[in-house]
């Protein structure tokens, strides 16, 4: 996923000096008053403003601690060891929210167990022309056609050098102008640059917003790409203080059962660490909002069922041979539990985080504890 949008979590920090019992009132006030006003403005511009605001307010002594005290759930029973990494809890932030690794520390204060940055490309690019982001409020969804807008992998690396403990995933892609036959070169550039600065990698070949990118999901080119990165993984380990990094594949929800079986074979052949299911969809089935005709990837509640179906299919048909990170349409703790029960080892939020706010992270972690 590669959308950006206004999230009411940004503005809740305005009220963090109030007692916890008043937080519900503040959330309601936001939903009834503040959010409707903000939604009059372009979501992408508001996003950049709120990023700056959160960055600024988090520099005030004590604010980060207050945020963590409100939203973080600390319990060793939430810890998960997946593809050799220990996660403090199973709830992460999906790629696209913090594309350029500008706010990963501040976002982690809201209780996430891990943050995925990107999608980053070798060279910075503006992405697709604006307007390219659309709120579908009646559907609790978003359509985006951002097009991998980012400042380039080197800028992200410079920010990640300052990381002091946030578990980071690096989502990598190719530049728009790079033809598919040379795509592997772009992925290698990003892989090499990020190797010492992320805990795991995600290969994004499933965004619908970069021309011909999804063609790389076909079995032959995808196998070649992933095998090349795995070979590079071994090479990098020999010259680095880092261990081999888990490589995950992020797939589209629009794949057929036959294509999903191909994914299982590819994971087995290349021995990558796992799969992220799923990215945004090009389907528009059942939508009510006027913006449903816009081109781009759809995320949010309409994706809930399909993403869970993909998780269950991969888990059952592979006999749980590899870990799956479940993402797509998680708007409640129950949605997250459903994906975990379907076979996901971890979950990620994006559009649900935008619509429901940071209390969703806490609710999921508490529900996970209740299930134990």
Foldseek 3Di string as FASTA:
>chain_A
DADEFAFCQLVLLVVLVDDLVCSVVVVVCCVVPVVVVVVVDQGVVVRVVSLVSLVVVVPPPPSLVSLLVNAADQDCVQWDQALNDIFRHQEEADENHAAQQSCQVSVVSLHHRAYEYHQAWAAADQFDDPPFKDDQPVQLKIFGLRGRHYHHLLSSLVNLVPDDDHAYEYEYFYHLPDDLVCGLVGRVSNCVSCVVRHQAYEYEQAWPNRPPSVVCLPLPNVLVSLLVVQVVQVVVCVVDPDHRHAYEYEHALPDDLVSLVSVLVSCVVSVHAYYEFYDFYQDLPPGDGPCSPDDTGMFAQVFLVSSLVSLLSNCVVNVNPHAYEGEGHPQALVSQVSSVVSGHSHYYYDSSCRVPNSNRSSRNRVVVVVVD
